[in-house]
Amino acid sequence: MPQSISPTGEIAGDYAGADDIFHGFLRARDGKFTSFDAPGAGTGPFQGTNPVNINAAGEISGEYTDSTYVSHGFVRARDGRIITFDAPGVGTSPGQGTFTASAGGMSPEGTIAGAYVDDANVAHGYVRAANGAITTFDVPGAGTGPNQGTGANGINPAGEIVGGYTDDSNVNHGFVRDRDGRITTFDVPNAGTASGQGTVPESINPAGEVTGFFYDENGVFHGFLRERDGTIAQFDVPGTGTAPVSINPLNSITGYYFDASGSPHGFLRTP
């Protein structure tokens, strides 16, 4: 399962055999594979190592699941050295732990964004600098009950983080956090305000443009593009739901949508 590709064509991801144990891999541009496991990764079913990001320096980040099904973060240097980490306050029960934002969760300089789940099953955001320093944060208005809280979904080269938070009514909202920690929240017009509805940002590009999707009052999801100045445009691929997942420096967006029969398909939206 490939998860991320670097500007130089190196691919990182994970694989599992018949034993359902996950291992990390790096595929070089010439097709050579290197397998690896994070220290402390479990060796039981659905445990192991899950890389989700690789940057231009060849650094790989992700999380691993230990023998008790708790998740922890890791970063692997180009020379193969692996450092593991946890955000302060992380929970220690199955399903809790430290998680790394997928695909766009690591900057070129090695800064990592993600979320951790505490003992009360509340999510919080974190950012880990290249030197290992971890800063945690919560968006004002984020709920404090189980399955509520703050989650970071991506970071750009400027250190701006995009993500979402769930309030105490279980409604989803978006945010952008700048490098200095200032947080701007937003909602897409027409986003629903009932439990499980709202705005779900997924990716931010170097220009600060954000894409993602939102659920309307009928529970149908649609794509959106938020410009740096806060202007938001909605878009839909013909079908029953549109879910953008990534935006590149050229403002092209990719993701998936479902047709009338419920089958998923890919799409590319150009500027």
C-alpha atoms as a PDB file:
ATOM      1  CA  MET A   1       0.000   0.000   0.000  1.00  0.00           C
ATOM      2  CA  PRO A   2       1.981   3.021  -1.228  1.00  0.00           C
ATOM      3  CA  GLN A   3       1.227   6.136   0.832  1.00  0.00           C
ATOM      4  CA  SER A   4       3.517   8.967  -0.315  1.00  0.00           C
ATOM      5  CA  ILE A   5       5.953   9.899  -3.084  1.00  0.00           C
ATOM      6  CA  SER A   6       8.836  12.363  -2.812  1.00  0.00           C
ATOM      7  CA  PRO A   7       9.784  15.037  -5.394  1.00  0.00           C
ATOM      8  CA  THR A   8      12.604  12.719  -6.521  1.00  0.00           C
ATOM      9  CA  GLY A   9      10.306   9.724  -7.063  1.00  0.00           C
ATOM     10  CA  GLU A  10      10.977   7.687  -3.919  1.00  0.00           C
ATOM     11  CA  ILE A  11       7.880   5.933  -2.569  1.00  0.00           C
ATOM     12  CA  ALA A  12       7.056   5.036   1.035  1.00  0.00           C
ATOM     13  CA  GLY A  13       4.260   2.830   2.301  1.00  0.00           C
ATOM     14  CA  ASP A  14       3.489  -0.412   4.068  1.00  0.00           C
ATOM     15  CA  TYR A  15       2.801  -4.027   3.225  1.00  0.00           C
ATOM     16  CA  ALA A  16       1.356  -7.020   5.056  1.00  0.00           C
ATOM     17  CA  GLY A  17       1.615 -10.751   4.498  1.00  0.00           C
ATOM     18  CA  ALA A  18      -0.744 -13.587   5.337  1.00  0.00           C
ATOM     19  CA  ASP A  19      -0.054 -12.932   9.040  1.00  0.00           C
ATOM     20  CA  ASP A  20      -1.626  -9.416   8.776  1.00  0.00           C
ATOM     21  CA  ILE A  21       1.467  -7.798  10.330  1.00  0.00           C
ATOM     22  CA  PHE A  22       2.408  -4.449   8.763  1.00  0.00           C
ATOM     23  CA  HIS A  23       5.936  -3.488   7.710  1.00  0.00           C
ATOM     24  CA  GLY A  24       7.288  -0.315   6.182  1.00  0.00           C
ATOM     25  CA  PHE A  25       8.935  -0.089   2.772  1.00  0.00           C
ATOM     26  CA  LEU A  26      10.927   2.382   0.733  1.00  0.00           C
ATOM     27  CA  ARG A  27      10.971   2.010  -3.042  1.00  0.00           C
ATOM     28  CA  ALA A  28      13.889   3.808  -4.698  1.00  0.00           C
ATOM     29  CA  ARG A  29      13.559   5.452  -8.077  1.00  0.00           C
ATOM     30  CA  ASP A  30      15.349   2.496  -9.703  1.00  0.00           C
ATOM     31  CA  GLY A  31      12.792   0.066  -8.239  1.00  0.00           C
ATOM     32  CA  LYS A  32      14.893  -1.271  -5.360  1.00  0.00           C
ATOM     33  CA  PHE A  33      12.913  -2.049  -2.196  1.00  0.00           C
ATOM     34  CA  THR A  34      14.052  -1.600   1.407  1.00  0.00           C
ATOM     35  CA  SER A  35      11.863  -3.025   4.183  1.00  0.00           C
ATOM     36  CA  PHE A  36      11.939  -1.745   7.758  1.00  0.00           C
ATOM     37  CA  ASP A  37      10.154  -1.925  11.095  1.00  0.00           C
ATOM     38  CA  ALA A  38      10.005   0.728  13.793  1.00  0.00           C
ATOM     39  CA  PRO A  39      11.498  -0.290  17.168  1.00  0.00           C
ATOM     40  CA  GLY A  40       8.680  -1.426  19.439  1.00  0.00           C
ATOM     41  CA  ALA A  41       6.289  -2.298  16.628  1.00  0.00           C
ATOM     42  CA  GLY A  42       3.986  -5.173  17.517  1.00  0.00           C
ATOM     43  CA  THR A  43       4.152  -8.537  15.809  1.00  0.00           C
ATOM     44  CA  GLY A  44       0.499  -9.531  16.093  1.00  0.00           C
ATOM     45  CA  PRO A  45      -2.343  -9.216  13.577  1.00  0.00           C
ATOM     46  CA  PHE A  46      -2.947  -5.616  12.450  1.00  0.00           C
ATOM     47  CA  GLN A  47       0.053  -4.371  14.401  1.00  0.00           C
ATOM     48  CA  GLY A  48       3.332  -3.108  12.967  1.00  0.00           C
ATOM     49  CA  THR A  49       4.740  -0.163  11.026  1.00  0.00           C
ATOM     50  CA  ASN A  50       2.759   2.276   8.841  1.00  0.00           C
ATOM     51  CA  PRO A  51       4.773   4.943   6.986  1.00  0.00           C
ATOM     52  CA  VAL A  52       2.593   7.723   5.528  1.00  0.00           C
ATOM     53  CA  ASN A  53       5.003  10.507   4.436  1.00  0.00           C
ATOM     54  CA  ILE A  54       8.312  10.926   2.613  1.00  0.00           C
ATOM     55  CA  ASN A  55       9.933  14.284   1.864  1.00  0.00           C
ATOM     56  CA  ALA A  56      12.608  15.492  -0.546  1.00  0.00           C
ATOM     57  CA  ALA A  57      15.353  14.670   1.984  1.00  0.00           C
ATOM     58  CA  GLY A  58      14.264  11.030   2.031  1.00  0.00           C
ATOM     59  CA  GLU A  59      12.928  11.243   5.588  1.00  0.00           C
ATOM     60  CA  ILE A  60       9.926   9.007   6.256  1.00  0.00           C
ATOM     61  CA  SER A  61       7.341   9.554   8.973  1.00  0.00           C
ATOM     62  CA  GLY A  62       4.313   7.651  10.186  1.00  0.00           C
ATOM     63  CA  GLU A  63       3.146   5.632  13.122  1.00  0.00           C
ATOM     64  CA  TYR A  64       3.484   2.120  14.440  1.00  0.00           C
ATOM     65  CA  THR A  65       1.147   0.011  16.539  1.00  0.00           C
ATOM     66  CA  ASP A  66       2.634  -1.831  19.486  1.00  0.00           C
ATOM     67  CA  SER A  67       1.669  -5.182  21.026  1.00  0.00           C
ATOM     68  CA  THR A  68      -1.160  -3.526  23.011  1.00  0.00           C
ATOM     69  CA  TYR A  69      -2.614  -1.782  19.929  1.00  0.00           C
ATOM     70  CA  VAL A  70      -1.434   1.666  21.042  1.00  0.00           C
ATOM     71  CA  SER A  71      -0.004   3.890  18.282  1.00  0.00           C
ATOM     72  CA  HIS A  72       3.260   5.856  18.378  1.00  0.00           C
ATOM     73  CA  GLY A  73       4.956   8.209  15.938  1.00  0.00           C
ATOM     74  CA  PHE A  74       8.262   7.636  14.182  1.00  0.00           C
ATOM     75  CA  VAL A  75      10.609   9.346  11.747  1.00  0.00           C
ATOM     76  CA  ARG A  76      13.170   7.437   9.675  1.00  0.00           C
ATOM     77  CA  ALA A  77      16.281   9.232   8.393  1.00  0.00           C
ATOM     78  CA  ARG A  78      17.653   8.565   4.914  1.00  0.00           C
ATOM     79  CA  ASP A  79      20.433   6.430   6.438  1.00  0.00           C
ATOM     80  CA  GLY A  80      17.854   4.138   8.095  1.00  0.00           C
ATOM     81  CA  ARG A  81      18.010   5.423  11.662  1.00  0.00           C
ATOM     82  CA  ILE A  82      14.543   5.474  13.258  1.00  0.00           C
ATOM     83  CA  ILE A  83      13.442   7.767  16.086  1.00  0.00           C
ATOM     84  CA  THR A  84      10.137   7.066  17.837  1.00  0.00           C
ATOM     85  CA  PHE A  85       8.097   9.671  19.681  1.00  0.00           C
ATOM     86  CA  ASP A  86       4.832  10.360  21.513  1.00  0.00           C
ATOM     87  CA  ALA A  87       3.003  13.589  22.161  1.00  0.00           C
ATOM     88  CA  PRO A  88       2.713  14.609  25.836  1.00  0.00           C
ATOM     89  CA  GLY A  89      -0.537  13.426  27.393  1.00  0.00           C
ATOM     90  CA  VAL A  90      -1.115  10.574  24.975  1.00  0.00           C
ATOM     91  CA  GLY A  91      -3.426   7.735  26.015  1.00  0.00           C
ATOM     92  CA  THR A  92      -2.218   4.204  26.634  1.00  0.00           C
ATOM     93  CA  SER A  93      -5.289   2.093  25.845  1.00  0.00           C
ATOM     94  CA  PRO A  94      -5.947   0.230  22.580  1.00  0.00           C
ATOM     95  CA  GLY A  95      -6.862   2.614  19.761  1.00  0.00           C
ATOM     96  CA  GLN A  96      -5.250   5.578  21.486  1.00  0.00           C
ATOM     97  CA  GLY A  97      -1.784   7.052  20.921  1.00  0.00           C
ATOM     98  CA  THR A  98       0.099   9.332  18.530  1.00  0.00           C
ATOM     99  CA  PHE A  99      -0.847   9.560  14.846  1.00  0.00           C
ATOM    100  CA  THR A 100       0.825  11.306  11.905  1.00  0.00           C
ATOM    101  CA  ALA A 101      -1.183  13.195   9.288  1.00  0.00           C
ATOM    102  CA  SER A 102      -1.216  11.146   6.080  1.00  0.00           C
ATOM    103  CA  ALA A 103       0.492  12.028   2.778  1.00  0.00           C
ATOM    104  CA  GLY A 104       0.891  15.765   3.521  1.00  0.00           C
ATOM    105  CA  GLY A 105       1.870  15.498   7.172  1.00  0.00           C
ATOM    106  CA  MET A 106       5.609  16.290   6.910  1.00  0.00           C
ATOM    107  CA  SER A 107       7.279  19.434   5.564  1.00  0.00           C
ATOM    108  CA  PRO A 108      10.491  19.525   3.477  1.00  0.00           C
ATOM    109  CA  GLU A 109      12.452  20.520   6.603  1.00  0.00           C
ATOM    110  CA  GLY A 110      11.120  17.529   8.566  1.00  0.00           C
ATOM    111  CA  THR A 111       8.403  19.167  10.656  1.00  0.00           C
ATOM    112  CA  ILE A 112       5.597  16.672  11.350  1.00  0.00           C
ATOM    113  CA  ALA A 113       1.936  17.415  12.073  1.00  0.00           C
ATOM    114  CA  GLY A 114      -0.667  15.064  13.436  1.00  0.00           C
ATOM    115  CA  ALA A 115      -2.979  14.251  16.300  1.00  0.00           C
ATOM    116  CA  TYR A 116      -2.912  12.256  19.491  1.00  0.00           C
ATOM    117  CA  VAL A 117      -5.719  10.667  21.459  1.00  0.00           C
ATOM    118  CA  ASP A 118      -5.687  10.915  25.247  1.00  0.00           C
ATOM    119  CA  ASP A 119      -7.011   8.569  27.936  1.00  0.00           C
ATOM    120  CA  ALA A 120     -10.504  10.091  27.575  1.00  0.00           C
ATOM    121  CA  ASN A 121     -10.518   9.422  23.800  1.00  0.00           C
ATOM    122  CA  VAL A 122     -10.291  13.149  23.043  1.00  0.00           C
ATOM    123  CA  ALA A 123      -8.106  14.184  20.096  1.00  0.00           C
ATOM    124  CA  HIS A 124      -5.528  16.994  20.202  1.00  0.00           C
ATOM    125  CA  GLY A 125      -3.248  18.447  17.555  1.00  0.00           C
ATOM    126  CA  TYR A 126       0.533  18.431  17.672  1.00  0.00           C
ATOM    127  CA  VAL A 127       3.475  19.662  15.631  1.00  0.00           C
ATOM    128  CA  ARG A 128       6.925  18.092  15.978  1.00  0.00           C
ATOM    129  CA  ALA A 129       9.906  20.188  14.895  1.00  0.00           C
ATOM    130  CA  ALA A 130      12.865  18.604  13.112  1.00  0.00           C
ATOM    131  CA  ASN A 131      14.871  18.827  16.366  1.00  0.00           C
ATOM    132  CA  GLY A 132      12.261  16.703  18.168  1.00  0.00           C
ATOM    133  CA  ALA A 133      10.468  19.452  20.101  1.00  0.00           C
ATOM    134  CA  ILE A 134       6.716  18.782  20.247  1.00  0.00           C
ATOM    135  CA  THR A 135       4.050  21.472  20.619  1.00  0.00           C
ATOM    136  CA  THR A 136       0.473  20.437  21.305  1.00  0.00           C
ATOM    137  CA  PHE A 137      -2.576  22.572  20.581  1.00  0.00           C
ATOM    138  CA  ASP A 138      -6.363  22.642  20.690  1.00  0.00           C
ATOM    139  CA  VAL A 139      -8.626  24.789  18.550  1.00  0.00           C
ATOM    140  CA  PRO A 140     -10.906  27.072  20.591  1.00  0.00           C
ATOM    141  CA  GLY A 141     -14.385  25.546  20.494  1.00  0.00           C
ATOM    142  CA  ALA A 142     -13.182  21.953  20.119  1.00  0.00           C
ATOM    143  CA  GLY A 143     -15.207  19.463  22.134  1.00  0.00           C
ATOM    144  CA  THR A 144     -13.788  17.647  25.123  1.00  0.00           C
ATOM    145  CA  GLY A 145     -15.856  14.469  24.980  1.00  0.00           C
ATOM    146  CA  PRO A 146     -14.999  11.070  23.478  1.00  0.00           C
ATOM    147  CA  ASN A 147     -14.310  11.207  19.728  1.00  0.00           C
ATOM    148  CA  GLN A 148     -14.257  15.019  19.793  1.00  0.00           C
ATOM    149  CA  GLY A 149     -11.325  17.436  19.707  1.00  0.00           C
ATOM    150  CA  THR A 150      -8.660  18.651  17.270  1.00  0.00           C
ATOM    151  CA  GLY A 151      -6.835  16.868  14.441  1.00  0.00           C
ATOM    152  CA  ALA A 152      -4.118  18.108  12.065  1.00  0.00           C
ATOM    153  CA  ASN A 153      -4.396  16.774   8.502  1.00  0.00           C
ATOM    154  CA  GLY A 154      -1.527  18.475   6.665  1.00  0.00           C
ATOM    155  CA  ILE A 155       1.373  20.920   6.769  1.00  0.00           C
ATOM    156  CA  ASN A 156       2.965  22.998   3.998  1.00  0.00           C
ATOM    157  CA  PRO A 157       6.588  24.175   3.551  1.00  0.00           C
ATOM    158  CA  ALA A 158       5.785  27.430   5.387  1.00  0.00           C
ATOM    159  CA  GLY A 159       4.751  25.474   8.477  1.00  0.00           C
ATOM    160  CA  GLU A 160       1.048  26.252   8.089  1.00  0.00           C
ATOM    161  CA  ILE A 161      -1.143  23.418   9.361  1.00  0.00           C
ATOM    162  CA  VAL A 162      -4.620  22.556   8.156  1.00  0.00           C
ATOM    163  CA  GLY A 163      -7.048  20.323   9.973  1.00  0.00           C
ATOM    164  CA  GLY A 164     -10.430  19.976  11.559  1.00  0.00           C
ATOM    165  CA  TYR A 165     -12.033  19.990  14.951  1.00  0.00           C
ATOM    166  CA  THR A 166     -15.226  18.466  16.306  1.00  0.00           C
ATOM    167  CA  ASP A 167     -17.255  20.538  18.755  1.00  0.00           C
ATOM    168  CA  ASP A 168     -19.278  19.384  21.735  1.00  0.00           C
ATOM    169  CA  SER A 169     -22.286  18.819  19.439  1.00  0.00           C
ATOM    170  CA  ASN A 170     -20.192  16.533  17.193  1.00  0.00           C
ATOM    171  CA  VAL A 171     -20.229  19.032  14.322  1.00  0.00           C
ATOM    172  CA  ASN A 172     -17.030  19.346  12.236  1.00  0.00           C
ATOM    173  CA  HIS A 173     -15.218  22.599  11.455  1.00  0.00           C
ATOM    174  CA  GLY A 174     -12.001  23.570   9.676  1.00  0.00           C
ATOM    175  CA  PHE A 175      -8.929  25.484  10.806  1.00  0.00           C
ATOM    176  CA  VAL A 176      -5.603  26.817   9.565  1.00  0.00           C
ATOM    177  CA  ARG A 177      -2.767  27.292  12.065  1.00  0.00           C
ATOM    178  CA  ASP A 178       0.164  29.499  11.047  1.00  0.00           C
ATOM    179  CA  ARG A 179       3.783  28.881  11.971  1.00  0.00           C
ATOM    180  CA  ASP A 180       3.476  31.157  15.006  1.00  0.00           C
ATOM    181  CA  GLY A 181       0.504  29.254  16.400  1.00  0.00           C
ATOM    182  CA  ARG A 182      -2.274  31.637  15.395  1.00  0.00           C
ATOM    183  CA  ILE A 183      -5.416  29.708  14.482  1.00  0.00           C
ATOM    184  CA  THR A 184      -8.122  30.736  12.013  1.00  0.00           C
ATOM    185  CA  THR A 185     -11.305  28.657  11.991  1.00  0.00           C
ATOM    186  CA  PHE A 186     -13.732  28.387   9.090  1.00  0.00           C
ATOM    187  CA  ASP A 187     -16.849  26.655   7.836  1.00  0.00           C
ATOM    188  CA  VAL A 188     -17.881  26.119   4.238  1.00  0.00           C
ATOM    189  CA  PRO A 189     -21.158  27.866   3.372  1.00  0.00           C
ATOM    190  CA  ASN A 190     -23.946  25.271   3.121  1.00  0.00           C
ATOM    191  CA  ALA A 191     -22.144  22.921   5.525  1.00  0.00           C
ATOM    192  CA  GLY A 192     -24.601  21.088   7.762  1.00  0.00           C
ATOM    193  CA  THR A 193     -24.838  21.855  11.454  1.00  0.00           C
ATOM    194  CA  ALA A 194     -26.118  18.532  12.784  1.00  0.00           C
ATOM    195  CA  SER A 195     -24.060  15.823  14.450  1.00  0.00           C
ATOM    196  CA  GLY A 196     -21.609  14.263  11.993  1.00  0.00           C
ATOM    197  CA  GLN A 197     -21.975  17.079   9.475  1.00  0.00           C
ATOM    198  CA  GLY A 198     -19.777  20.101   8.787  1.00  0.00           C
ATOM    199  CA  THR A 199     -16.397  20.917   7.237  1.00  0.00           C
ATOM    200  CA  VAL A 200     -13.468  18.477   6.820  1.00  0.00           C
ATOM    201  CA  PRO A 201     -10.240  20.027   5.400  1.00  0.00           C
ATOM    202  CA  GLU A 202      -7.707  17.539   4.010  1.00  0.00           C
ATOM    203  CA  SER A 203      -4.717  19.279   2.409  1.00  0.00           C
ATOM    204  CA  ILE A 204      -2.869  22.611   2.166  1.00  0.00           C
ATOM    205  CA  ASN A 205      -0.419  23.649  -0.578  1.00  0.00           C
ATOM    206  CA  PRO A 206       2.602  26.002  -0.393  1.00  0.00           C
ATOM    207  CA  ALA A 207       0.393  29.007  -1.268  1.00  0.00           C
ATOM    208  CA  GLY A 208      -1.900  28.316   1.682  1.00  0.00           C
ATOM    209  CA  GLU A 209      -4.799  27.077  -0.448  1.00  0.00           C
ATOM    210  CA  VAL A 210      -6.882  24.398   1.246  1.00  0.00           C
ATOM    211  CA  THR A 211      -9.046  21.618  -0.127  1.00  0.00           C
ATOM    212  CA  GLY A 212     -11.342  19.113   1.485  1.00  0.00           C
ATOM    213  CA  PHE A 213     -15.005  18.292   1.684  1.00  0.00           C
ATOM    214  CA  PHE A 214     -18.102  19.161   3.683  1.00  0.00           C
ATOM    215  CA  TYR A 215     -21.329  17.423   4.594  1.00  0.00           C
ATOM    216  CA  ASP A 216     -24.515  19.350   3.873  1.00  0.00           C
ATOM    217  CA  GLU A 217     -27.739  19.219   5.900  1.00  0.00           C
ATOM    218  CA  ASN A 218     -28.752  16.064   4.024  1.00  0.00           C
ATOM    219  CA  GLY A 219     -25.504  14.286   4.819  1.00  0.00           C
ATOM    220  CA  VAL A 220     -24.225  14.531   1.225  1.00  0.00           C
ATOM    221  CA  PHE A 221     -20.565  15.512   0.862  1.00  0.00           C
ATOM    222  CA  HIS A 222     -19.157  18.062  -1.598  1.00  0.00           C
ATOM    223  CA  GLY A 223     -15.698  19.382  -2.453  1.00  0.00           C
ATOM    224  CA  PHE A 224     -14.348  22.823  -1.618  1.00  0.00           C
ATOM    225  CA  LEU A 225     -11.357  25.031  -2.328  1.00  0.00           C
ATOM    226  CA  ARG A 226     -10.431  27.755   0.173  1.00  0.00           C
ATOM    227  CA  GLU A 227      -8.153  30.510  -1.106  1.00  0.00           C
ATOM    228  CA  ARG A 228      -5.556  32.107   1.150  1.00  0.00           C
ATOM    229  CA  ASP A 229      -7.775  35.165   1.603  1.00  0.00           C
ATOM    230  CA  GLY A 230     -10.573  32.984   2.977  1.00  0.00           C
ATOM    231  CA  THR A 231     -12.701  32.871  -0.168  1.00  0.00           C
ATOM    232  CA  ILE A 232     -14.353  29.446  -0.469  1.00  0.00           C
ATOM    233  CA  ALA A 233     -15.636  27.804  -3.651  1.00  0.00           C
ATOM    234  CA  GLN A 234     -17.738  24.641  -3.683  1.00  0.00           C
ATOM    235  CA  PHE A 235     -17.505  22.039  -6.452  1.00  0.00           C
ATOM    236  CA  ASP A 236     -18.993  18.663  -7.285  1.00  0.00           C
ATOM    237  CA  VAL A 237     -18.175  15.878  -9.673  1.00  0.00           C
ATOM    238  CA  PRO A 238     -21.477  14.591 -11.134  1.00  0.00           C
ATOM    239  CA  GLY A 239     -22.563  11.787  -8.818  1.00  0.00           C
ATOM    240  CA  THR A 240     -23.566  11.348  -5.201  1.00  0.00           C
ATOM    241  CA  GLY A 241     -20.562  12.703  -3.321  1.00  0.00           C
ATOM    242  CA  THR A 242     -17.201  14.438  -3.936  1.00  0.00           C
ATOM    243  CA  ALA A 243     -14.174  14.050  -1.619  1.00  0.00           C
ATOM    244  CA  PRO A 244     -10.955  15.963  -2.476  1.00  0.00           C
ATOM    245  CA  VAL A 245      -7.896  14.657  -0.613  1.00  0.00           C
ATOM    246  CA  SER A 246      -4.853  16.524  -1.974  1.00  0.00           C
ATOM    247  CA  ILE A 247      -3.866  19.827  -3.602  1.00  0.00           C
ATOM    248  CA  ASN A 248      -0.498  20.531  -5.264  1.00  0.00           C
ATOM    249  CA  PRO A 249       1.516  23.757  -5.762  1.00  0.00           C
ATOM    250  CA  LEU A 250      -0.209  24.298  -9.131  1.00  0.00           C
ATOM    251  CA  ASN A 251      -3.635  24.335  -7.438  1.00  0.00           C
ATOM    252  CA  SER A 252      -4.654  21.026  -9.013  1.00  0.00           C
ATOM    253  CA  ILE A 253      -6.848  18.858  -6.785  1.00  0.00           C
ATOM    254  CA  THR A 254      -7.289  15.104  -6.740  1.00  0.00           C
ATOM    255  CA  GLY A 255      -9.658  12.872  -4.833  1.00  0.00           C
ATOM    256  CA  TYR A 256     -12.559  10.519  -5.365  1.00  0.00           C
ATOM    257  CA  TYR A 257     -16.299  10.577  -5.921  1.00  0.00           C
ATOM    258  CA  PHE A 258     -19.155   8.081  -5.889  1.00  0.00           C
ATOM    259  CA  ASP A 259     -21.478   7.494  -8.812  1.00  0.00           C
ATOM    260  CA  ALA A 260     -25.228   6.896  -8.561  1.00  0.00           C
ATOM    261  CA  SER A 261     -24.669   3.196  -7.860  1.00  0.00           C
ATOM    262  CA  GLY A 262     -22.258   3.908  -4.999  1.00  0.00           C
ATOM    263  CA  SER A 263     -19.065   2.934  -6.834  1.00  0.00           C
ATOM    264  CA  PRO A 264     -15.980   5.129  -6.222  1.00  0.00           C
ATOM    265  CA  HIS A 265     -13.943   6.783  -9.001  1.00  0.00           C
ATOM    266  CA  GLY A 266     -10.965   9.137  -9.076  1.00  0.00           C
ATOM    267  CA  PHE A 267     -10.946  12.721 -10.316  1.00  0.00           C
ATOM    268  CA  LEU A 268      -8.473  15.484 -11.155  1.00  0.00           C
ATOM    269  CA  ARG A 269      -9.621  19.113 -10.960  1.00  0.00           C
ATOM    270  CA  THR A 270      -7.335  21.591 -12.728  1.00  0.00           C
ATOM    271  CA  PRO A 271      -7.308  25.359 -11.986  1.00  0.00           C
END
